[in-house]
Structures are given as structure tokens and as C-alpha cells.
């Protein structure tokens, strides 16, 4: 009973806080949220990895390969957890995920990618490291604000990507 009551309280808190974050008013705010929500898309980060392979010095390319490995491992774990938990998304929003293979929300794959980026961007793209934290926060805020995810989906996703990346980075 104690564990269920804690879990129920956490879920209720997560739902209530997420609903408070879903109050977007005005077209401008919605446009910023839509842009932010898509900045975490997989094709964006795969493109960044491909560009990094071309632009950085050969002696540092191992970092890009490690980052790619971290995204694959973290993404695989996030996907597995989604199918184990079957947590429904707060709202059904077309154009932000596949309803056939990515209809579950916990943990967020976008947030997981952001967690990997927080670890790797400062070393892979020196001079751009300061920029990744605001982008990660923007992506996470946007996906909650649009009702695509709950807040806890984002927090767990970032932590998952961060921890897996920290381990792979340090090996």
C-alpha cells in the first residue's frame, strides 16, 4: 500500500504540474513551442552528428562515434521502457510522434537525446557547449507545454541520456 500511494502521489503531482505547463497563449508562444519540440527530433541530431564527423579534426572523431553510440543505447533503453510502462501521452497531438510505434510517453526520446547532447556537445563542438543547455530546456519545456509529454517523462529522459552518455564518454 505504501508504495502504491507514493506512486499515485507522484503521478498525480506530475499530471497537475504538467497541466500547469500546458497553458500556452498566443500564436507566437505556440510557434516557439512547436519549433522547440522539433529541435529534439532524431533526424536533427543525426544530421548534427554527420556534420560533426565532417567538420571536426580526425583525431577527435572518436567523440562523435561515442556520442552516436550513447544516443543508440539511450534511445534503445528509452524505447524499451516506453513499451514496458505503456504510459499514455497527455494529449494526442498529430505531427510530433508516430502513433504506430511511438505512442507511449515515458521516458521521452527527445529528452533522452538532449541528455546525450549535454554531455557530448561541449567536447565535440567546442564553443557551442554553452548553447546546449538552453536548447535542452527549450525542447523539454515545449514538449510538455504542447501536451506531448508529462514533465516526469522529460526529467527521466534527460537523466537517462545524461547517465548513459557520462558512462560511455568516460570509457
Protein backbone atom coordinates (compact mmCIF):
# COMPACT_ATOMS: atom_id res chain seq x y z
CA UNK A 1 0.00 0.00 0.00
CA UNK A 2 2.79 2.45 0.86
CA UNK A 3 4.49 2.04 -2.50
CA UNK A 4 1.24 2.38 -4.45
CA UNK A 5 0.28 5.51 -2.55
CA UNK A 6 3.70 7.06 -3.26
CA UNK A 7 3.45 6.14 -6.91
CA UNK A 8 -0.07 7.53 -7.11
CA UNK A 9 1.03 10.75 -5.45
CA UNK A 10 3.96 11.16 -7.83
CA UNK A 11 1.74 10.55 -10.86
CA UNK A 12 -0.89 12.99 -9.56
CA UNK A 13 1.79 15.62 -8.90
CA UNK A 14 3.29 15.04 -12.38
CA UNK A 15 -0.13 15.37 -14.05
CA UNK A 16 -1.01 18.55 -12.14
CA UNK A 17 2.34 20.24 -12.77
CA UNK A 18 2.31 19.20 -16.44
CA UNK A 19 -1.18 20.66 -16.89
CA UNK A 20 0.04 23.96 -15.45
CA UNK A 21 2.84 23.99 -18.04
CA UNK A 22 0.36 23.43 -20.89
CA UNK A 23 -1.01 26.95 -20.74
CA UNK A 24 0.32 28.42 -23.97
CA UNK A 25 -1.36 31.63 -25.02
CA UNK A 26 -0.95 33.32 -28.35
CA UNK A 27 0.30 32.24 -31.75
CA UNK A 28 3.84 33.43 -31.08
CA UNK A 29 4.26 31.25 -28.00
CA UNK A 30 2.79 28.27 -29.81
CA UNK A 31 5.20 28.74 -32.74
CA UNK A 32 8.15 28.83 -30.34
CA UNK A 33 6.86 25.70 -28.64
CA UNK A 34 6.41 23.85 -31.94
CA UNK A 35 9.92 24.84 -33.05
CA UNK A 36 11.38 23.79 -29.71
CA UNK A 37 9.50 20.49 -29.74
CA UNK A 38 11.01 19.60 -33.12
CA UNK A 39 14.56 20.65 -32.19
CA UNK A 40 14.83 17.36 -30.34
CA UNK A 41 13.86 15.26 -33.39
CA UNK A 42 16.18 12.38 -34.18
CA UNK A 43 16.91 13.50 -37.75
CA UNK A 44 18.15 16.87 -36.43
CA UNK A 45 20.68 15.23 -34.12
CA UNK A 46 21.72 12.60 -36.65
CA UNK A 47 22.40 15.49 -39.06
CA UNK A 48 24.46 17.25 -36.39
CA UNK A 49 26.45 14.06 -35.83
CA UNK A 50 27.07 13.70 -39.58
CA UNK A 51 28.17 17.34 -39.85
CA UNK A 52 30.44 16.96 -36.85
CA UNK A 53 32.12 13.96 -38.49
CA UNK A 54 32.92 16.13 -41.50
CA UNK A 55 33.88 19.32 -39.67
CA UNK A 56 35.95 18.24 -36.69
CA UNK A 57 39.53 17.07 -36.80
CA UNK A 58 40.10 13.36 -37.40
CA UNK A 59 41.78 12.99 -34.01
CA UNK A 60 38.51 13.95 -32.28
CA UNK A 61 36.07 11.91 -34.38
CA UNK A 62 36.04 9.17 -31.76
CA UNK A 63 33.92 11.55 -29.65
CA UNK A 64 31.27 11.70 -32.37
CA UNK A 65 31.19 7.91 -32.60
CA UNK A 66 30.83 7.66 -28.83
CA UNK A 67 28.02 10.21 -28.93
CA UNK A 68 26.29 8.18 -31.65
CA UNK A 69 26.70 5.04 -29.53
CA UNK A 70 25.30 6.85 -26.49
CA UNK A 71 22.25 8.01 -28.47
CA UNK A 72 21.65 4.49 -29.76
CA UNK A 73 22.00 2.85 -26.33
CA UNK A 74 19.97 5.53 -24.52
CA UNK A 75 17.33 5.51 -27.26
CA UNK A 76 17.06 1.72 -27.09
CA UNK A 77 16.60 1.80 -23.34
CA UNK A 78 14.05 4.64 -23.58
CA UNK A 79 12.07 2.73 -26.21
CA UNK A 80 12.16 -0.44 -24.11
CA UNK A 81 10.90 1.48 -21.08
CA UNK A 82 8.10 3.01 -23.16
CA UNK A 83 6.85 -0.45 -24.10
CA UNK A 84 7.19 -1.72 -20.53
CA UNK A 85 5.35 1.22 -18.93
CA UNK A 86 2.75 1.95 -21.65
CA UNK A 87 2.22 5.44 -20.27
CA UNK A 88 -0.24 7.31 -22.46
CA UNK A 89 0.58 10.81 -23.63
CA UNK A 90 -1.33 13.69 -22.04
CA UNK A 91 -2.87 14.65 -25.40
CA UNK A 92 -2.92 13.13 -28.87
CA UNK A 93 -1.07 15.71 -30.99
CA UNK A 94 -0.56 14.95 -34.67
CA UNK A 95 2.80 15.67 -36.25
CA UNK A 96 5.01 15.17 -33.21
CA UNK A 97 5.40 11.40 -32.97
CA UNK A 98 4.33 8.23 -34.71
CA UNK A 99 1.10 6.84 -33.36
CA UNK A 100 2.10 3.42 -34.70
CA UNK A 101 5.43 2.88 -32.93
CA UNK A 102 5.90 5.80 -30.52
CA UNK A 103 2.53 6.30 -28.89
CA UNK A 104 3.85 5.97 -25.33
CA UNK A 105 5.35 8.91 -23.47
CA UNK A 106 7.63 7.62 -20.70
CA UNK A 107 10.51 8.38 -20.94
CA UNK A 108 10.82 10.97 -23.68
CA UNK A 109 13.15 10.05 -26.53
CA UNK A 110 13.63 13.74 -27.30
CA UNK A 111 14.72 14.41 -23.72
CA UNK A 112 16.99 11.37 -23.85
CA UNK A 113 18.74 12.84 -26.92
CA UNK A 114 19.08 16.14 -25.08
CA UNK A 115 20.72 14.33 -22.15
CA UNK A 116 23.32 12.84 -24.52
CA UNK A 117 23.91 16.24 -26.12
CA UNK A 118 24.53 17.89 -22.75
CA UNK A 119 27.46 15.53 -22.19
CA UNK A 120 28.94 15.45 -25.69
CA UNK A 121 28.34 18.86 -27.34
CA UNK A 122 30.89 20.79 -25.24
CA UNK A 123 33.69 18.46 -26.37
CA UNK A 124 32.51 17.62 -29.89
CA UNK A 125 31.65 21.22 -30.80
CA UNK A 126 33.87 23.46 -28.66
CA UNK A 127 32.48 26.94 -28.36
CA UNK A 128 28.91 25.65 -28.69
CA UNK A 129 28.73 23.85 -25.36
CA UNK A 130 27.17 26.84 -23.60
CA UNK A 131 24.31 26.71 -26.08
CA UNK A 132 23.13 23.15 -25.46
CA UNK A 133 21.59 23.62 -22.01
CA UNK A 134 19.13 26.35 -23.10
CA UNK A 135 18.22 24.26 -26.15
CA UNK A 136 17.65 21.18 -24.00
CA UNK A 137 15.45 23.17 -21.62
CA UNK A 138 13.54 24.64 -24.58
CA UNK A 139 12.91 21.20 -26.09
CA UNK A 140 11.73 19.80 -22.77
CA UNK A 141 9.50 22.80 -21.97
CA UNK A 142 7.99 22.77 -25.46
CA UNK A 143 7.02 19.11 -25.40
CA UNK A 144 5.32 19.49 -22.02
CA UNK A 145 3.70 22.81 -22.98
CA UNK A 146 2.20 21.27 -26.12
CA UNK A 147 0.83 18.31 -24.15
CA UNK A 148 3.04 15.77 -25.91
CA UNK A 149 4.71 14.66 -22.67
CA UNK A 150 4.40 14.91 -18.94
CA UNK A 151 7.13 16.71 -17.01
CA UNK A 152 8.41 13.47 -15.47
CA UNK A 153 8.81 11.96 -18.99
CA UNK A 154 11.25 14.76 -19.76
CA UNK A 155 13.17 14.64 -16.47
CA UNK A 156 13.67 10.87 -16.64
CA UNK A 157 14.61 11.10 -20.33
CA UNK A 158 17.29 13.74 -19.73
CA UNK A 159 18.70 11.84 -16.76
CA UNK A 160 18.75 8.59 -18.76
CA UNK A 161 20.59 10.17 -21.69
CA UNK A 162 22.95 12.04 -19.37
CA UNK A 163 23.93 8.99 -17.28
CA UNK A 164 24.41 6.66 -20.25
CA UNK A 165 26.44 9.32 -22.04
CA UNK A 166 28.58 10.03 -18.98
CA UNK A 167 29.44 6.32 -18.77
CA UNK A 168 30.20 6.00 -22.50
CA UNK A 169 32.13 9.28 -22.51
CA UNK A 170 34.36 8.17 -19.64
CA UNK A 171 35.22 4.75 -21.09
